[in-house]
Amino acid sequence: MKIAMKAIVYEEYGPPDVLQLKEVDKPVPDENEVLVKVRASSVNPLDWHAMRGEPFLQRLESGFPTPKIKILGADVAGEVEAVGKNVKGVQPGDEVYGDLY
């Protein structure tokens, strides 16, 4: 059974109007990843450029003609919900913050 969560997603590049609140499948962390229940996220220039697909050449990496990763948010704070089998130093329940890049 897939568990859903709500996220702000964008299916196409453009102005803030392309953002939508949707139900998405909750991710499962790979062996070297951490799943964080986000309590706060910022909007920064990286997110702004990713949403707009600018500069245009960035689309070669982030997806053409539509974005590969459809959820914005690079800076986060929250609680560790799950960890991959190779993760050391954090465990579910730990409060964390950082950036995703």
N, C-alpha and C. Protein backbone atom coordinates (compact mmCIF):
# COMPACT_ATOMS: atom_id res chain seq x y z
N MET A 1 0.84 -1.18 0.00
CA MET A 1 0.00 0.00 0.00
C MET A 1 0.89 1.25 0.00
N LYS A 2 0.62 2.17 -0.90
CA LYS A 2 1.36 3.42 -0.99
C LYS A 2 0.76 4.42 -0.01
N ILE A 3 1.65 5.12 0.68
CA ILE A 3 1.22 6.17 1.60
C ILE A 3 1.41 7.50 0.89
N ALA A 4 0.43 8.38 1.02
CA ALA A 4 0.48 9.67 0.33
C ALA A 4 0.84 10.78 1.31
N MET A 5 1.34 11.86 0.76
CA MET A 5 1.62 13.07 1.50
C MET A 5 1.28 14.25 0.60
N LYS A 6 1.15 15.41 1.17
CA LYS A 6 0.87 16.61 0.39
C LYS A 6 2.17 17.34 0.12
N ALA A 7 2.27 17.89 -1.08
CA ALA A 7 3.46 18.65 -1.47
C ALA A 7 3.07 19.71 -2.49
N ILE A 8 3.85 20.77 -2.52
CA ILE A 8 3.70 21.78 -3.57
C ILE A 8 4.55 21.29 -4.74
N VAL A 9 3.92 21.06 -5.88
CA VAL A 9 4.61 20.52 -7.04
C VAL A 9 4.44 21.45 -8.24
N TYR A 10 5.34 21.25 -9.21
CA TYR A 10 5.20 21.96 -10.49
C TYR A 10 5.47 20.96 -11.59
N GLU A 11 4.58 20.90 -12.55
CA GLU A 11 4.66 19.94 -13.65
C GLU A 11 5.25 20.56 -14.90
N GLU A 12 5.37 21.90 -14.89
CA GLU A 12 5.92 22.63 -16.03
C GLU A 12 6.67 23.84 -15.50
N TYR A 13 7.57 24.36 -16.30
CA TYR A 13 8.31 25.55 -15.92
C TYR A 13 7.43 26.78 -16.09
N GLY A 14 7.67 27.80 -15.27
CA GLY A 14 6.92 29.03 -15.43
C GLY A 14 6.89 29.86 -14.17
N PRO A 15 5.96 30.84 -14.11
CA PRO A 15 5.84 31.71 -12.95
C PRO A 15 5.20 30.96 -11.77
N PRO A 16 5.06 31.60 -10.62
CA PRO A 16 4.48 30.92 -9.45
C PRO A 16 3.12 30.28 -9.70
N ASP A 17 2.41 30.70 -10.72
CA ASP A 17 1.10 30.12 -11.03
C ASP A 17 1.18 28.63 -11.36
N VAL A 18 2.37 28.10 -11.70
CA VAL A 18 2.50 26.69 -12.04
C VAL A 18 2.52 25.80 -10.80
N LEU A 19 2.66 26.39 -9.61
CA LEU A 19 2.71 25.61 -8.37
C LEU A 19 1.32 25.14 -7.97
N GLN A 20 1.24 23.87 -7.54
CA GLN A 20 -0.03 23.28 -7.14
C GLN A 20 0.16 22.42 -5.90
N LEU A 21 -0.82 22.42 -5.01
CA LEU A 21 -0.82 21.54 -3.85
C LEU A 21 -1.43 20.22 -4.30
N LYS A 22 -0.66 19.12 -4.16
CA LYS A 22 -1.13 17.81 -4.62
C LYS A 22 -0.76 16.73 -3.63
N GLU A 23 -1.46 15.60 -3.73
CA GLU A 23 -1.08 14.39 -3.00
C GLU A 23 -0.08 13.65 -3.86
N VAL A 24 1.04 13.25 -3.25
CA VAL A 24 2.08 12.50 -3.94
C VAL A 24 2.45 11.29 -3.10
N ASP A 25 3.05 10.30 -3.73
CA ASP A 25 3.52 9.13 -2.99
C ASP A 25 4.65 9.55 -2.04
N LYS A 26 4.59 9.05 -0.82
CA LYS A 26 5.64 9.32 0.15
C LYS A 26 6.89 8.56 -0.27
N PRO A 27 8.05 9.24 -0.35
CA PRO A 27 9.27 8.55 -0.78
C PRO A 27 9.79 7.59 0.28
N VAL A 28 10.52 6.60 -0.17
CA VAL A 28 11.21 5.65 0.70
C VAL A 28 12.70 5.91 0.52
N PRO A 29 13.44 6.15 1.62
CA PRO A 29 14.86 6.47 1.45
C PRO A 29 15.66 5.28 0.95
N ASP A 30 16.60 5.55 0.03
CA ASP A 30 17.56 4.54 -0.41
C ASP A 30 18.55 4.28 0.73
N GLU A 31 19.47 3.37 0.52
CA GLU A 31 20.37 2.93 1.60
C GLU A 31 21.24 4.03 2.18
N ASN A 32 21.51 5.10 1.43
CA ASN A 32 22.34 6.21 1.92
C ASN A 32 21.56 7.50 2.08
N GLU A 33 20.24 7.42 2.19
CA GLU A 33 19.39 8.60 2.26
C GLU A 33 18.63 8.67 3.58
N VAL A 34 18.14 9.88 3.86
CA VAL A 34 17.33 10.15 5.05
C VAL A 34 16.01 10.76 4.58
N LEU A 35 14.91 10.30 5.13
CA LEU A 35 13.60 10.90 4.86
C LEU A 35 13.29 11.85 6.00
N VAL A 36 13.05 13.12 5.66
CA VAL A 36 12.78 14.15 6.66
C VAL A 36 11.34 14.61 6.52
N LYS A 37 10.61 14.62 7.63
CA LYS A 37 9.28 15.23 7.66
C LYS A 37 9.52 16.72 7.80
N VAL A 38 9.27 17.45 6.74
CA VAL A 38 9.61 18.87 6.68
C VAL A 38 8.63 19.68 7.51
N ARG A 39 9.19 20.48 8.41
CA ARG A 39 8.40 21.41 9.23
C ARG A 39 8.49 22.83 8.67
N ALA A 40 9.61 23.13 8.01
CA ALA A 40 9.81 24.46 7.43
C ALA A 40 10.73 24.34 6.22
N SER A 41 10.47 25.16 5.23
CA SER A 41 11.30 25.20 4.04
C SER A 41 11.35 26.65 3.57
N SER A 42 12.46 27.03 2.98
CA SER A 42 12.57 28.39 2.48
C SER A 42 12.42 28.40 0.96
N VAL A 43 12.21 29.58 0.45
CA VAL A 43 12.25 29.79 -0.99
C VAL A 43 13.49 30.63 -1.24
N ASN A 44 14.38 30.12 -2.06
CA ASN A 44 15.62 30.84 -2.31
C ASN A 44 15.83 30.97 -3.82
N PRO A 45 16.88 31.65 -4.23
CA PRO A 45 17.11 31.83 -5.67
C PRO A 45 17.21 30.52 -6.45
N LEU A 46 17.75 29.47 -5.85
CA LEU A 46 17.85 28.18 -6.53
C LEU A 46 16.45 27.67 -6.90
N ASP A 47 15.51 27.75 -5.94
CA ASP A 47 14.14 27.31 -6.21
C ASP A 47 13.48 28.18 -7.28
N TRP A 48 13.71 29.47 -7.20
CA TRP A 48 13.12 30.42 -8.15
C TRP A 48 13.57 30.09 -9.58
N HIS A 49 14.87 29.88 -9.74
CA HIS A 49 15.40 29.57 -11.08
C HIS A 49 14.93 28.19 -11.54
N ALA A 50 14.88 27.22 -10.63
CA ALA A 50 14.41 25.88 -11.01
C ALA A 50 12.96 25.93 -11.48
N MET A 51 12.10 26.64 -10.75
CA MET A 51 10.69 26.74 -11.11
C MET A 51 10.51 27.37 -12.49
N ARG A 52 11.28 28.38 -12.77
CA ARG A 52 11.15 29.09 -14.05
C ARG A 52 11.92 28.40 -15.18
N GLY A 53 12.81 27.46 -14.83
CA GLY A 53 13.62 26.80 -15.85
C GLY A 53 14.63 27.72 -16.46
N GLU A 54 15.18 28.62 -15.63
CA GLU A 54 16.14 29.61 -16.10
C GLU A 54 17.42 29.52 -15.30
N PRO A 55 18.56 29.71 -15.89
CA PRO A 55 18.75 29.94 -17.32
C PRO A 55 18.34 28.72 -18.12
N PHE A 56 17.93 28.95 -19.34
CA PHE A 56 17.33 27.91 -20.17
C PHE A 56 18.21 26.67 -20.28
N LEU A 57 19.53 26.85 -20.35
CA LEU A 57 20.44 25.71 -20.47
C LEU A 57 20.38 24.78 -19.25
N GLN A 58 19.93 25.29 -18.11
CA GLN A 58 19.80 24.45 -16.92
C GLN A 58 18.79 23.32 -17.15
N ARG A 59 17.88 23.51 -18.05
CA ARG A 59 16.88 22.47 -18.35
C ARG A 59 17.52 21.20 -18.89
N LEU A 60 18.73 21.30 -19.43
CA LEU A 60 19.42 20.09 -19.88
C LEU A 60 19.69 19.16 -18.70
N GLU A 61 19.94 19.74 -17.52
CA GLU A 61 20.18 18.94 -16.33
C GLU A 61 18.90 18.67 -15.55
N SER A 62 18.02 19.66 -15.44
CA SER A 62 16.84 19.52 -14.58
C SER A 62 15.62 18.97 -15.31
N GLY A 63 15.72 18.75 -16.60
CA GLY A 63 14.62 18.14 -17.34
C GLY A 63 14.14 19.00 -18.49
N PHE A 64 14.01 18.38 -19.63
CA PHE A 64 13.51 19.08 -20.82
C PHE A 64 12.54 18.15 -21.53
N PRO A 65 11.34 18.56 -21.80
CA PRO A 65 10.78 19.90 -21.69
C PRO A 65 10.13 20.19 -20.34
N THR A 66 9.99 19.19 -19.47
CA THR A 66 9.39 19.40 -18.15
C THR A 66 10.38 19.00 -17.05
N PRO A 67 10.19 19.50 -15.83
CA PRO A 67 11.13 19.18 -14.76
C PRO A 67 11.11 17.70 -14.37
N LYS A 68 12.31 17.12 -14.09
CA LYS A 68 12.40 15.74 -13.61
C LYS A 68 11.98 15.67 -12.15
N ILE A 69 12.50 16.57 -11.33
CA ILE A 69 12.12 16.64 -9.91
C ILE A 69 11.04 17.70 -9.81
N LYS A 70 9.88 17.29 -9.35
CA LYS A 70 8.71 18.17 -9.41
C LYS A 70 8.37 18.84 -8.08
N ILE A 71 9.22 18.65 -7.06
CA ILE A 71 8.99 19.29 -5.76
C ILE A 71 10.16 20.22 -5.46
N LEU A 72 9.85 21.49 -5.23
CA LEU A 72 10.88 22.48 -4.92
C LEU A 72 11.20 22.45 -3.42
N GLY A 73 12.28 23.10 -3.05
CA GLY A 73 12.64 23.25 -1.65
C GLY A 73 14.02 22.67 -1.39
N ALA A 74 15.01 23.51 -1.30
CA ALA A 74 16.37 23.04 -1.07
C ALA A 74 16.76 23.17 0.40
N ASP A 75 16.28 24.19 1.08
CA ASP A 75 16.61 24.41 2.49
C ASP A 75 15.44 23.91 3.33
N VAL A 76 15.73 23.01 4.27
CA VAL A 76 14.65 22.41 5.05
C VAL A 76 15.02 22.29 6.52
N ALA A 77 13.99 22.21 7.35
CA ALA A 77 14.15 21.89 8.77
C ALA A 77 12.99 20.95 9.11
N GLY A 78 13.28 19.94 9.91
CA GLY A 78 12.22 19.01 10.27
C GLY A 78 12.74 17.88 11.13
N GLU A 79 12.05 16.76 11.05
CA GLU A 79 12.33 15.60 11.88
C GLU A 79 12.61 14.38 11.00
N VAL A 80 13.66 13.64 11.34
CA VAL A 80 13.99 12.43 10.61
C VAL A 80 12.86 11.43 10.81
N GLU A 81 12.33 10.96 9.70
CA GLU A 81 11.23 10.00 9.75
C GLU A 81 11.71 8.57 9.48
N ALA A 82 12.70 8.43 8.59
CA ALA A 82 13.25 7.11 8.26
C ALA A 82 14.66 7.29 7.74
N VAL A 83 15.48 6.26 7.90
CA VAL A 83 16.86 6.30 7.40
C VAL A 83 17.15 5.04 6.61
N GLY A 84 18.04 5.16 5.64
CA GLY A 84 18.50 4.01 4.88
C GLY A 84 19.45 3.17 5.71
N LYS A 85 19.69 1.95 5.29
CA LYS A 85 20.47 1.00 6.09
C LYS A 85 21.92 1.40 6.31
N ASN A 86 22.48 2.24 5.44
CA ASN A 86 23.88 2.65 5.59
C ASN A 86 24.06 4.00 6.29
N VAL A 87 22.99 4.60 6.74
CA VAL A 87 23.04 5.94 7.35
C VAL A 87 23.49 5.82 8.80
N LYS A 88 24.48 6.62 9.16
CA LYS A 88 24.99 6.69 10.53
C LYS A 88 24.87 8.13 11.01
N GLY A 89 24.67 8.31 12.31
CA GLY A 89 24.70 9.66 12.88
C GLY A 89 23.35 10.29 13.11
N VAL A 90 22.32 9.81 12.45
CA VAL A 90 20.96 10.30 12.71
C VAL A 90 20.03 9.11 12.77
N GLN A 91 18.92 9.31 13.46
CA GLN A 91 17.93 8.24 13.58
C GLN A 91 16.54 8.86 13.59
N PRO A 92 15.51 8.07 13.33
CA PRO A 92 14.15 8.61 13.37
C PRO A 92 13.88 9.33 14.69
N GLY A 93 13.25 10.50 14.55
CA GLY A 93 12.95 11.32 15.71
C GLY A 93 13.91 12.48 15.91
N ASP A 94 15.11 12.41 15.32
CA ASP A 94 16.08 13.50 15.43
C ASP A 94 15.58 14.72 14.69
N GLU A 95 15.79 15.89 15.27
CA GLU A 95 15.48 17.15 14.59
C GLU A 95 16.70 17.54 13.77
N VAL A 96 16.47 17.92 12.52
CA VAL A 96 17.57 18.24 11.60
C VAL A 96 17.24 19.47 10.78
N TYR A 97 18.28 20.08 10.22
CA TYR A 97 18.12 21.14 9.24
C TYR A 97 19.28 21.06 8.27
N GLY A 98 19.10 21.64 7.11
CA GLY A 98 20.17 21.64 6.14
C GLY A 98 19.67 21.94 4.76
N ASP A 99 20.54 21.70 3.78
CA ASP A 99 20.12 21.88 2.39
C ASP A 99 20.25 20.56 1.67
N LEU A 100 19.52 20.43 0.60
CA LEU A 100 19.44 19.16 -0.11
C LEU A 100 20.45 19.04 -1.23
N TYR A 101 21.34 20.02 -1.39
CA TYR A 101 22.29 19.97 -2.49
C TYR A 101 23.69 19.98 -2.02
